[in-house]
């Protein structure tokens, strides 16, 4: 897996946003990334690194995965999502947040589903 490739960027996003979630939660985060890639100009890496879209991308911490098992799982899920092996269980979601927070932007979107510790939304 090459750093900067779509697969690498998607796997990093899964790892950082959902590594503690069940497989369905990790797939859901990947689907949000893919759904955004459909309506946002650019590739998956541009979607992942778009300013202030995913919390881990604006952290000062080293983004290198530190948990080998979780990183391997994120890579496998990313590959499956890119290959079309998974259905969009988010019902077209383009946004999500952890249940413990209530971001202001969520009021302007339509809730689609809750999976694990995340709530997913789509444009109205």
Protein backbone atom coordinates (compact mmCIF):
# COMPACT_ATOMS: atom_id res chain seq x y z
CA UNK A 1 0.00 0.00 0.00
CA UNK A 2 1.50 3.27 -1.14
CA UNK A 3 1.25 6.42 1.02
CA UNK A 4 -0.84 8.97 -0.84
CA UNK A 5 -2.85 6.35 -2.72
CA UNK A 6 -6.64 6.30 -2.43
CA UNK A 7 -6.47 2.98 -0.58
CA UNK A 8 -3.92 4.32 1.91
CA UNK A 9 -5.88 7.53 2.59
CA UNK A 10 -9.16 5.66 3.04
CA UNK A 11 -7.52 3.13 5.38
CA UNK A 12 -6.00 5.96 7.47
CA UNK A 13 -9.40 7.60 7.77
CA UNK A 14 -11.02 4.35 8.88
CA UNK A 15 -8.21 3.72 11.34
CA UNK A 16 -8.27 7.16 12.94
CA UNK A 17 -12.02 7.76 12.92
CA UNK A 18 -13.33 4.29 13.72
CA UNK A 19 -10.72 1.74 14.77
CA UNK A 20 -12.57 1.14 18.06
CA UNK A 21 -15.86 0.55 16.27
CA UNK A 22 -17.30 -2.76 15.09
CA UNK A 23 -16.63 -3.69 11.47
CA UNK A 24 -19.97 -2.19 10.42
CA UNK A 25 -18.95 1.14 11.98
CA UNK A 26 -15.66 1.10 10.13
CA UNK A 27 -17.40 0.32 6.85
CA UNK A 28 -19.82 3.17 7.54
CA UNK A 29 -16.99 5.69 8.01
CA UNK A 30 -15.44 4.47 4.75
CA UNK A 31 -18.79 4.91 2.99
CA UNK A 32 -19.07 8.52 4.17
CA UNK A 33 -15.64 9.16 2.68
CA UNK A 34 -16.68 7.52 -0.60
CA UNK A 35 -20.00 9.39 -0.68
CA UNK A 36 -18.16 12.67 -0.24
CA UNK A 37 -15.77 11.70 -3.02
CA UNK A 38 -18.80 11.45 -5.34
CA UNK A 39 -19.89 15.07 -4.81
CA UNK A 40 -16.58 16.70 -3.93
CA UNK A 41 -14.16 17.43 -6.76
CA UNK A 42 -10.95 15.47 -6.39
CA UNK A 43 -9.92 12.08 -5.20
CA UNK A 44 -10.30 10.19 -1.93
CA UNK A 45 -7.13 11.69 -0.44
CA UNK A 46 -8.38 15.21 -1.16
CA UNK A 47 -11.67 14.37 0.55
CA UNK A 48 -9.89 12.94 3.61
CA UNK A 49 -7.53 15.90 3.95
CA UNK A 50 -10.04 18.64 3.15
CA UNK A 51 -9.65 21.31 5.81
CA UNK A 52 -11.29 20.41 9.15
CA UNK A 53 -13.44 17.59 7.80
CA UNK A 54 -12.03 14.72 9.84
CA UNK A 55 -10.71 15.43 13.32
CA UNK A 56 -7.50 13.44 13.08
CA UNK A 57 -6.27 15.39 10.05
CA UNK A 58 -5.92 18.62 12.02
CA UNK A 59 -4.36 17.05 15.09
CA UNK A 60 -0.72 17.66 15.82
CA UNK A 61 -0.24 13.96 16.58
CA UNK A 62 1.72 11.68 14.28
CA UNK A 63 -0.87 9.96 12.04
CA UNK A 64 1.23 6.81 11.67
CA UNK A 65 -0.91 3.87 12.84
CA UNK A 66 0.37 2.47 16.14
CA UNK A 67 -1.92 -0.56 16.45
CA UNK A 68 -0.89 -3.17 13.85
CA UNK A 69 -4.05 -5.31 14.09
CA UNK A 70 -6.36 -2.31 13.79
CA UNK A 71 -4.30 -0.94 10.88
CA UNK A 72 -4.45 -4.28 9.05
CA UNK A 73 -8.23 -4.42 9.56
CA UNK A 74 -8.65 -0.83 8.32
CA UNK A 75 -6.64 -1.67 5.21
CA UNK A 76 -8.78 -4.75 4.48
CA UNK A 77 -12.01 -2.77 4.92
CA UNK A 78 -10.70 0.04 2.70
CA UNK A 79 -9.80 -2.45 -0.01
CA UNK A 80 -13.25 -4.05 0.20
CA UNK A 81 -15.03 -0.69 0.02
CA UNK A 82 -12.98 0.50 -2.95
CA UNK A 83 -13.54 -2.86 -4.68
CA UNK A 84 -17.30 -2.54 -4.16
CA UNK A 85 -17.61 -5.50 -1.79
CA UNK A 86 -19.78 -3.59 0.72
CA UNK A 87 -23.17 -1.92 0.42
CA UNK A 88 -23.65 1.62 1.68
CA UNK A 89 -25.11 0.91 5.11
CA UNK A 90 -25.22 4.66 5.85
CA UNK A 91 -28.00 5.27 3.30
CA UNK A 92 -25.95 7.87 1.46
CA UNK A 93 -24.49 9.68 4.46
CA UNK A 94 -21.91 12.38 3.87
CA UNK A 95 -21.33 13.34 7.51
CA UNK A 96 -21.06 11.66 10.90
CA UNK A 97 -20.11 12.41 14.47
CA UNK A 98 -19.60 10.54 17.71
CA UNK A 99 -22.71 10.25 19.86
CA UNK A 100 -21.00 12.08 22.71
CA UNK A 101 -20.91 15.39 20.78
CA UNK A 102 -23.64 17.59 19.27
CA UNK A 103 -22.12 19.66 16.45
CA UNK A 104 -24.15 22.61 15.23
CA UNK A 105 -23.98 21.45 11.62
CA UNK A 106 -26.00 18.32 12.43
CA UNK A 107 -29.19 20.39 12.70
CA UNK A 108 -29.08 21.21 8.99
CA UNK A 109 -28.70 17.59 7.87
CA UNK A 110 -30.97 14.55 7.88
CA UNK A 111 -30.07 11.70 10.22
CA UNK A 112 -29.87 8.39 8.36
CA UNK A 113 -28.64 5.80 10.85
CA UNK A 114 -26.72 5.18 14.05
CA UNK A 115 -23.98 2.57 13.89
CA UNK A 116 -21.84 1.89 16.92
CA UNK A 117 -20.82 5.16 18.53
CA UNK A 118 -21.51 7.28 15.44
CA UNK A 119 -24.57 9.03 14.02
CA UNK A 120 -24.68 9.45 10.24
CA UNK A 121 -26.30 12.20 8.19
CA UNK A 122 -27.05 13.16 4.62
CA UNK A 123 -27.93 16.41 2.87
CA UNK A 124 -31.64 17.26 2.95
